[in-house]
């Protein structure tokens, strides 16, 4: 039987966030109350975007000399457009992939 690998979730419950961060669940709730961790309240429960957890980790990093940059969606779109391969590069990539498939 094939093993399935669980994909990382983009939205986590406080319990899942606590497991991911290896923290007590109450610590996650305290971070939410203190505004250190952004969460959405849906009914009586919270949902935490993975990006909020990543931001918390960056904000509490031990290397203050590493700057966290905040890019607009337009800037990200330009980065992705600039990273698009031209037709010649696509041909090279295709040849490499075909070579891998032949093995």
C-alpha atoms as a PDB file:
ATOM      1  CA  UNK A   1       0.000   0.000   0.000  1.00  0.00           C
ATOM      2  CA  UNK A   2       1.328   3.449  -0.925  1.00  0.00           C
ATOM      3  CA  UNK A   3       2.060   5.862   1.881  1.00  0.00           C
ATOM      4  CA  UNK A   4       0.392   9.214   1.646  1.00  0.00           C
ATOM      5  CA  UNK A   5       2.218  12.303   2.787  1.00  0.00           C
ATOM      6  CA  UNK A   6       0.037  14.939   4.386  1.00  0.00           C
ATOM      7  CA  UNK A   7       0.434  18.286   2.668  1.00  0.00           C
ATOM      8  CA  UNK A   8       1.135  21.290   4.892  1.00  0.00           C
ATOM      9  CA  UNK A   9      -2.028  23.202   5.603  1.00  0.00           C
ATOM     10  CA  UNK A  10      -2.435  26.885   4.848  1.00  0.00           C
ATOM     11  CA  UNK A  11      -4.944  27.335   7.689  1.00  0.00           C
ATOM     12  CA  UNK A  12      -4.419  25.757  11.104  1.00  0.00           C
ATOM     13  CA  UNK A  13      -6.415  25.356  14.283  1.00  0.00           C
ATOM     14  CA  UNK A  14      -4.755  26.492  17.531  1.00  0.00           C
ATOM     15  CA  UNK A  15      -4.004  22.832  18.359  1.00  0.00           C
ATOM     16  CA  UNK A  16      -2.368  22.301  14.970  1.00  0.00           C
ATOM     17  CA  UNK A  17      -0.406  25.554  15.321  1.00  0.00           C
ATOM     18  CA  UNK A  18       0.768  24.489  18.773  1.00  0.00           C
ATOM     19  CA  UNK A  19       1.954  21.160  17.390  1.00  0.00           C
ATOM     20  CA  UNK A  20       3.671  22.834  14.458  1.00  0.00           C
ATOM     21  CA  UNK A  21       5.440  25.334  16.725  1.00  0.00           C
ATOM     22  CA  UNK A  22       6.044  22.721  19.438  1.00  0.00           C
ATOM     23  CA  UNK A  23       4.342  24.938  21.998  1.00  0.00           C
ATOM     24  CA  UNK A  24       1.578  24.495  24.513  1.00  0.00           C
ATOM     25  CA  UNK A  25      -1.891  25.248  23.120  1.00  0.00           C
ATOM     26  CA  UNK A  26      -2.413  27.927  25.796  1.00  0.00           C
ATOM     27  CA  UNK A  27       0.697  29.729  24.544  1.00  0.00           C
ATOM     28  CA  UNK A  28      -0.860  29.910  21.077  1.00  0.00           C
ATOM     29  CA  UNK A  29      -4.064  31.374  22.565  1.00  0.00           C
ATOM     30  CA  UNK A  30      -1.987  33.887  24.560  1.00  0.00           C
ATOM     31  CA  UNK A  31      -0.137  34.943  21.386  1.00  0.00           C
ATOM     32  CA  UNK A  32      -3.510  35.462  19.694  1.00  0.00           C
ATOM     33  CA  UNK A  33      -4.813  37.578  22.608  1.00  0.00           C
ATOM     34  CA  UNK A  34      -1.603  39.637  22.718  1.00  0.00           C
ATOM     35  CA  UNK A  35      -1.732  40.259  18.962  1.00  0.00           C
ATOM     36  CA  UNK A  36       1.534  38.411  18.328  1.00  0.00           C
ATOM     37  CA  UNK A  37      -0.276  35.844  16.202  1.00  0.00           C
ATOM     38  CA  UNK A  38      -2.989  36.859  13.751  1.00  0.00           C
ATOM     39  CA  UNK A  39      -6.048  34.609  13.712  1.00  0.00           C
ATOM     40  CA  UNK A  40      -9.620  34.714  12.489  1.00  0.00           C
ATOM     41  CA  UNK A  41     -12.445  33.913  14.843  1.00  0.00           C
ATOM     42  CA  UNK A  42     -15.083  31.745  13.208  1.00  0.00           C
ATOM     43  CA  UNK A  43     -17.917  31.088  15.593  1.00  0.00           C
ATOM     44  CA  UNK A  44     -16.291  29.919  18.809  1.00  0.00           C
ATOM     45  CA  UNK A  45     -13.054  28.738  17.242  1.00  0.00           C
ATOM     46  CA  UNK A  46      -9.945  30.300  15.756  1.00  0.00           C
ATOM     47  CA  UNK A  47      -8.202  29.655  12.463  1.00  0.00           C
ATOM     48  CA  UNK A  48      -4.608  30.725  11.972  1.00  0.00           C
ATOM     49  CA  UNK A  49      -3.071  31.329   8.531  1.00  0.00           C
ATOM     50  CA  UNK A  50       0.320  29.658   8.102  1.00  0.00           C
ATOM     51  CA  UNK A  51       1.651  33.054   6.961  1.00  0.00           C
ATOM     52  CA  UNK A  52       0.829  34.433  10.429  1.00  0.00           C
ATOM     53  CA  UNK A  53       2.923  31.691  12.020  1.00  0.00           C
ATOM     54  CA  UNK A  54       5.800  32.418   9.649  1.00  0.00           C
ATOM     55  CA  UNK A  55       5.557  36.126  10.498  1.00  0.00           C
ATOM     56  CA  UNK A  56       5.667  35.296  14.229  1.00  0.00           C
ATOM     57  CA  UNK A  57       8.781  33.198  13.685  1.00  0.00           C
ATOM     58  CA  UNK A  58      10.456  36.015  11.746  1.00  0.00           C
ATOM     59  CA  UNK A  59       9.454  38.623  14.330  1.00  0.00           C
ATOM     60  CA  UNK A  60      10.991  36.572  17.144  1.00  0.00           C
ATOM     61  CA  UNK A  61      14.139  35.521  15.288  1.00  0.00           C
ATOM     62  CA  UNK A  62      17.496  35.696  17.006  1.00  0.00           C
ATOM     63  CA  UNK A  63      19.214  37.452  14.099  1.00  0.00           C
ATOM     64  CA  UNK A  64      17.910  41.015  14.059  1.00  0.00           C
ATOM     65  CA  UNK A  65      20.315  41.889  11.244  1.00  0.00           C
ATOM     66  CA  UNK A  66      18.153  39.882   8.812  1.00  0.00           C
ATOM     67  CA  UNK A  67      15.394  42.156   7.572  1.00  0.00           C
ATOM     68  CA  UNK A  68      11.945  40.819   6.721  1.00  0.00           C
ATOM     69  CA  UNK A  69      10.789  42.526   3.551  1.00  0.00           C
ATOM     70  CA  UNK A  70       7.153  43.126   2.824  1.00  0.00           C
ATOM     71  CA  UNK A  71       6.278  43.013  -0.882  1.00  0.00           C
ATOM     72  CA  UNK A  72       3.060  44.188  -2.478  1.00  0.00           C
ATOM     73  CA  UNK A  73       1.091  41.811  -4.684  1.00  0.00           C
ATOM     74  CA  UNK A  74       2.112  43.912  -7.708  1.00  0.00           C
ATOM     75  CA  UNK A  75       5.798  43.522  -6.833  1.00  0.00           C
ATOM     76  CA  UNK A  76       5.384  39.760  -6.438  1.00  0.00           C
ATOM     77  CA  UNK A  77       3.606  39.601  -9.793  1.00  0.00           C
ATOM     78  CA  UNK A  78       6.529  41.458 -11.419  1.00  0.00           C
ATOM     79  CA  UNK A  79       9.025  39.067  -9.776  1.00  0.00           C
ATOM     80  CA  UNK A  80       7.117  36.077 -11.154  1.00  0.00           C
ATOM     81  CA  UNK A  81       6.910  37.602 -14.625  1.00  0.00           C
ATOM     82  CA  UNK A  82      10.651  38.323 -14.615  1.00  0.00           C
ATOM     83  CA  UNK A  83      11.293  34.712 -13.547  1.00  0.00           C
ATOM     84  CA  UNK A  84       9.423  33.240 -16.522  1.00  0.00           C
ATOM     85  CA  UNK A  85      11.634  31.218 -18.853  1.00  0.00           C
ATOM     86  CA  UNK A  86      12.072  32.340 -22.427  1.00  0.00           C
ATOM     87  CA  UNK A  87      11.390  29.787 -25.228  1.00  0.00           C
ATOM     88  CA  UNK A  88      15.075  28.835 -25.526  1.00  0.00           C
ATOM     89  CA  UNK A  89      15.364  28.115 -21.782  1.00  0.00           C
ATOM     90  CA  UNK A  90      12.094  26.127 -21.915  1.00  0.00           C
ATOM     91  CA  UNK A  91      13.657  23.925 -24.617  1.00  0.00           C
ATOM     92  CA  UNK A  92      16.686  23.236 -22.421  1.00  0.00           C
ATOM     93  CA  UNK A  93      14.486  22.369 -19.434  1.00  0.00           C
ATOM     94  CA  UNK A  94      12.377  20.060 -21.596  1.00  0.00           C
ATOM     95  CA  UNK A  95      15.527  18.227 -22.790  1.00  0.00           C
ATOM     96  CA  UNK A  96      16.673  17.717 -19.186  1.00  0.00           C
ATOM     97  CA  UNK A  97      13.260  16.427 -18.135  1.00  0.00           C
ATOM     98  CA  UNK A  98      13.112  14.029 -21.087  1.00  0.00           C
ATOM     99  CA  UNK A  99      16.578  12.786 -20.150  1.00  0.00           C
ATOM    100  CA  UNK A 100      15.385  12.107 -16.563  1.00  0.00           C
ATOM    101  CA  UNK A 101      12.348  10.211 -17.860  1.00  0.00           C
ATOM    102  CA  UNK A 102      14.562   7.967 -20.004  1.00  0.00           C
ATOM    103  CA  UNK A 103      16.446   6.643 -16.966  1.00  0.00           C
END
